N, C-alpha and C. Protein backbone atom coordinates (compact mmCIF):
# COMPACT_ATOMS: atom_id res chain seq x y z
N MET A 1 53.60 -157.61 12.81
CA MET A 1 52.59 -156.57 12.97
C MET A 1 51.77 -156.50 11.69
N ARG A 2 50.48 -156.26 11.89
CA ARG A 2 49.60 -156.09 10.75
C ARG A 2 48.55 -155.04 11.09
N GLU A 3 47.99 -154.43 10.06
CA GLU A 3 46.91 -153.47 10.27
C GLU A 3 45.63 -154.23 10.58
N ALA A 4 44.85 -153.69 11.51
CA ALA A 4 43.59 -154.34 11.88
C ALA A 4 42.65 -153.31 12.49
N LEU A 5 41.37 -153.61 12.47
CA LEU A 5 40.39 -152.84 13.23
C LEU A 5 40.14 -153.63 14.50
N VAL A 6 40.32 -152.99 15.65
CA VAL A 6 40.22 -153.68 16.93
C VAL A 6 39.14 -153.04 17.80
N LYS A 7 38.84 -153.72 18.89
CA LYS A 7 37.94 -153.21 19.92
C LYS A 7 38.77 -152.96 21.17
N SER A 8 38.32 -152.03 21.98
CA SER A 8 38.98 -151.79 23.24
C SER A 8 37.92 -151.48 24.29
N THR A 9 38.20 -151.86 25.52
CA THR A 9 37.28 -151.55 26.62
C THR A 9 37.90 -150.49 27.50
N ILE A 10 37.07 -149.59 27.96
CA ILE A 10 37.52 -148.51 28.83
C ILE A 10 36.57 -148.44 30.02
N TRP A 11 37.11 -148.57 31.21
CA TRP A 11 36.32 -148.45 32.44
C TRP A 11 36.44 -147.02 32.95
N ILE A 12 35.30 -146.43 33.28
CA ILE A 12 35.27 -145.14 33.97
C ILE A 12 34.38 -145.36 35.18
N GLY A 13 35.02 -145.42 36.34
CA GLY A 13 34.28 -145.76 37.55
C GLY A 13 33.70 -147.15 37.40
N GLU A 14 32.39 -147.29 37.57
CA GLU A 14 31.71 -148.58 37.46
C GLU A 14 31.13 -148.79 36.07
N HIS A 15 31.45 -147.92 35.13
CA HIS A 15 30.87 -148.00 33.79
C HIS A 15 31.88 -148.52 32.78
N LEU A 16 31.47 -149.54 32.04
CA LEU A 16 32.29 -150.14 31.01
C LEU A 16 31.86 -149.59 29.66
N HIS A 17 32.84 -149.15 28.86
CA HIS A 17 32.57 -148.65 27.52
C HIS A 17 33.40 -149.47 26.54
N ILE A 18 32.78 -149.85 25.43
CA ILE A 18 33.47 -150.61 24.39
C ILE A 18 33.58 -149.72 23.17
N VAL A 19 34.79 -149.58 22.67
CA VAL A 19 35.02 -148.78 21.47
C VAL A 19 35.44 -149.74 20.36
N GLU A 20 34.70 -149.69 19.25
CA GLU A 20 34.97 -150.57 18.11
C GLU A 20 35.58 -149.79 16.95
N ASP A 21 36.02 -150.54 15.95
CA ASP A 21 36.50 -149.97 14.69
C ASP A 21 37.72 -149.07 14.88
N ILE A 22 38.60 -149.46 15.79
CA ILE A 22 39.81 -148.69 16.06
C ILE A 22 40.92 -149.18 15.13
N PRO A 23 41.42 -148.32 14.24
CA PRO A 23 42.55 -148.73 13.39
C PRO A 23 43.80 -148.89 14.26
N ALA A 24 44.46 -150.03 14.12
CA ALA A 24 45.62 -150.31 14.96
C ALA A 24 46.63 -151.14 14.20
N GLN A 25 47.84 -151.16 14.74
CA GLN A 25 48.83 -152.15 14.35
C GLN A 25 48.70 -153.25 15.39
N PHE A 26 48.55 -154.48 14.93
CA PHE A 26 48.23 -155.59 15.82
C PHE A 26 49.29 -156.68 15.68
N CYS A 27 49.77 -157.20 16.82
CA CYS A 27 50.75 -158.28 16.83
C CYS A 27 50.02 -159.59 17.11
N ASP A 28 50.07 -160.52 16.14
CA ASP A 28 49.41 -161.81 16.31
C ASP A 28 50.10 -162.69 17.35
N GLU A 29 51.38 -162.44 17.63
CA GLU A 29 52.10 -163.26 18.61
C GLU A 29 51.76 -162.89 20.04
N CYS A 30 51.83 -161.59 20.35
CA CYS A 30 51.62 -161.18 21.75
C CYS A 30 50.26 -160.51 21.98
N MET A 31 49.49 -160.31 20.90
CA MET A 31 48.15 -159.72 20.97
C MET A 31 48.17 -158.23 21.35
N GLU A 32 49.34 -157.60 21.35
CA GLU A 32 49.41 -156.16 21.63
C GLU A 32 48.81 -155.40 20.46
N GLN A 33 48.22 -154.25 20.77
CA GLN A 33 47.72 -153.38 19.72
C GLN A 33 48.27 -151.98 19.96
N PHE A 34 48.67 -151.35 18.87
CA PHE A 34 49.29 -150.04 18.94
C PHE A 34 48.51 -149.07 18.06
N TYR A 35 48.29 -147.85 18.56
CA TYR A 35 47.53 -146.84 17.85
C TYR A 35 48.43 -145.67 17.49
N ASP A 36 48.15 -145.04 16.34
CA ASP A 36 48.91 -143.84 16.01
C ASP A 36 48.33 -142.65 16.79
N GLU A 37 48.98 -141.52 16.69
CA GLU A 37 48.62 -140.34 17.49
C GLU A 37 47.20 -139.85 17.18
N ASP A 38 46.79 -139.88 15.92
CA ASP A 38 45.45 -139.41 15.56
C ASP A 38 44.37 -140.30 16.16
N VAL A 39 44.59 -141.59 16.14
CA VAL A 39 43.63 -142.54 16.72
C VAL A 39 43.58 -142.35 18.24
N THR A 40 44.73 -142.21 18.85
CA THR A 40 44.79 -141.99 20.30
C THR A 40 44.03 -140.72 20.68
N ASP A 41 44.19 -139.66 19.88
CA ASP A 41 43.47 -138.41 20.15
C ASP A 41 41.95 -138.61 20.03
N ALA A 42 41.51 -139.38 19.04
CA ALA A 42 40.07 -139.62 18.86
C ALA A 42 39.50 -140.37 20.06
N VAL A 43 40.20 -141.37 20.56
CA VAL A 43 39.74 -142.13 21.73
C VAL A 43 39.75 -141.23 22.97
N ARG A 44 40.79 -140.42 23.10
CA ARG A 44 40.87 -139.48 24.24
C ARG A 44 39.69 -138.51 24.23
N ARG A 45 39.37 -137.95 23.05
CA ARG A 45 38.25 -137.00 22.96
C ARG A 45 36.93 -137.67 23.33
N LEU A 46 36.73 -138.90 22.86
CA LEU A 46 35.51 -139.63 23.20
C LEU A 46 35.42 -139.86 24.71
N THR A 47 36.56 -140.19 25.31
CA THR A 47 36.61 -140.39 26.76
C THR A 47 36.30 -139.09 27.50
N GLU A 48 36.88 -137.98 27.04
CA GLU A 48 36.64 -136.69 27.69
C GLU A 48 35.18 -136.27 27.60
N LEU A 49 34.49 -136.68 26.52
CA LEU A 49 33.06 -136.37 26.38
C LEU A 49 32.20 -137.24 27.29
N GLY A 50 32.81 -138.25 27.91
CA GLY A 50 32.09 -139.12 28.83
C GLY A 50 31.25 -140.18 28.12
N PHE A 51 31.60 -140.51 26.88
CA PHE A 51 30.88 -141.51 26.11
C PHE A 51 29.39 -141.21 26.08
N PRO A 52 29.00 -140.13 25.36
CA PRO A 52 27.58 -139.74 25.33
C PRO A 52 26.70 -140.88 24.79
N ALA A 53 25.67 -141.24 25.53
CA ALA A 53 24.80 -142.37 25.17
C ALA A 53 24.17 -142.17 23.80
N GLU A 54 23.83 -140.94 23.44
CA GLU A 54 23.17 -140.70 22.15
C GLU A 54 24.10 -140.94 20.96
N GLU A 55 25.39 -141.04 21.21
CA GLU A 55 26.36 -141.30 20.13
C GLU A 55 26.74 -142.78 20.04
N ALA A 56 26.20 -143.61 20.92
CA ALA A 56 26.55 -145.03 20.92
C ALA A 56 26.08 -145.69 19.63
N LYS A 57 26.94 -146.51 19.06
CA LYS A 57 26.61 -147.28 17.85
C LYS A 57 25.57 -148.35 18.16
N SER A 58 25.68 -148.95 19.34
CA SER A 58 24.74 -149.98 19.78
C SER A 58 24.87 -150.13 21.29
N GLN A 59 24.00 -150.95 21.85
CA GLN A 59 24.02 -151.26 23.28
C GLN A 59 24.09 -152.78 23.42
N MET A 60 24.68 -153.25 24.51
CA MET A 60 24.69 -154.68 24.78
C MET A 60 24.59 -154.93 26.27
N THR A 61 24.08 -156.10 26.60
CA THR A 61 24.03 -156.53 27.99
C THR A 61 25.20 -157.46 28.21
N VAL A 62 25.94 -157.22 29.28
CA VAL A 62 27.13 -158.01 29.57
C VAL A 62 26.94 -158.72 30.91
N PRO A 63 27.00 -160.05 30.92
CA PRO A 63 26.88 -160.75 32.20
C PRO A 63 28.12 -160.50 33.06
N VAL A 64 27.91 -160.41 34.34
CA VAL A 64 29.00 -160.18 35.29
C VAL A 64 29.04 -161.38 36.23
N PHE A 65 30.22 -161.96 36.39
CA PHE A 65 30.39 -163.14 37.22
C PHE A 65 31.30 -162.83 38.40
N SER A 66 31.19 -163.63 39.44
CA SER A 66 32.08 -163.54 40.59
C SER A 66 32.69 -164.91 40.83
N ILE A 67 33.92 -164.94 41.28
CA ILE A 67 34.53 -166.23 41.62
C ILE A 67 34.48 -166.49 43.12
N THR A 68 33.76 -165.64 43.85
CA THR A 68 33.59 -165.89 45.28
C THR A 68 33.00 -167.28 45.48
N GLY A 69 33.65 -168.08 46.31
CA GLY A 69 33.19 -169.43 46.58
C GLY A 69 33.63 -170.45 45.54
N ARG A 70 34.33 -170.04 44.51
CA ARG A 70 34.78 -170.95 43.45
C ARG A 70 36.28 -171.24 43.52
N ILE A 71 36.99 -170.54 44.36
CA ILE A 71 38.44 -170.71 44.43
C ILE A 71 38.76 -171.94 45.26
N LYS A 72 39.44 -172.89 44.65
CA LYS A 72 39.86 -174.11 45.35
C LYS A 72 41.35 -173.99 45.60
N ARG A 73 41.70 -173.78 46.84
CA ARG A 73 43.10 -173.61 47.21
C ARG A 73 43.81 -174.95 47.19
N ARG A 74 44.98 -174.97 46.59
CA ARG A 74 45.81 -176.17 46.62
C ARG A 74 46.49 -176.22 47.98
N ARG A 75 46.67 -177.40 48.46
CA ARG A 75 47.36 -177.51 49.75
C ARG A 75 48.84 -177.21 49.52
N PRO A 76 49.49 -176.62 50.50
CA PRO A 76 50.93 -176.36 50.35
C PRO A 76 51.70 -177.68 50.30
N ALA A 77 52.79 -177.69 49.56
CA ALA A 77 53.64 -178.89 49.46
C ALA A 77 54.27 -179.15 50.82
N THR A 78 54.42 -180.44 51.16
CA THR A 78 55.10 -180.81 52.40
C THR A 78 56.60 -180.66 52.18
N GLU A 79 57.35 -180.61 53.27
CA GLU A 79 58.81 -180.51 53.18
C GLU A 79 59.38 -181.71 52.42
N GLU A 80 58.80 -182.88 52.66
CA GLU A 80 59.26 -184.09 51.98
C GLU A 80 59.07 -183.96 50.46
N GLU A 81 57.94 -183.42 50.04
CA GLU A 81 57.69 -183.25 48.61
C GLU A 81 58.64 -182.22 48.00
N LEU A 82 58.96 -181.19 48.77
CA LEU A 82 59.88 -180.17 48.28
C LEU A 82 61.30 -180.71 48.09
N LEU A 83 61.69 -181.68 48.93
CA LEU A 83 63.04 -182.21 48.88
C LEU A 83 63.17 -183.46 47.98
N ALA A 84 62.04 -183.96 47.48
CA ALA A 84 62.06 -185.17 46.64
C ALA A 84 62.85 -184.91 45.37
N ASP A 85 63.63 -185.91 44.95
CA ASP A 85 64.43 -185.83 43.72
C ASP A 85 63.69 -186.57 42.63
N TYR A 86 63.05 -185.86 41.78
CA TYR A 86 62.25 -186.48 40.71
C TYR A 86 63.12 -186.77 39.55
């Protein structure tokens, strides 16, 4: 674990909000991030305010993709393949 400033995304309905500069304990192995109670309270208060646009540090455009039509299903294994001794 190490101290780090992290980003987090919060979805409210169809709206995505990005919160930056969050002090956290960060695990380089599993990528988990942990916040202390004061930090958690600050994020909760910002969420309760509904992320007022006039308080935003910046704005960004985020592309949205769909995988509809891109999924290539693998064929199921045959019984012979399942019983093969490799």
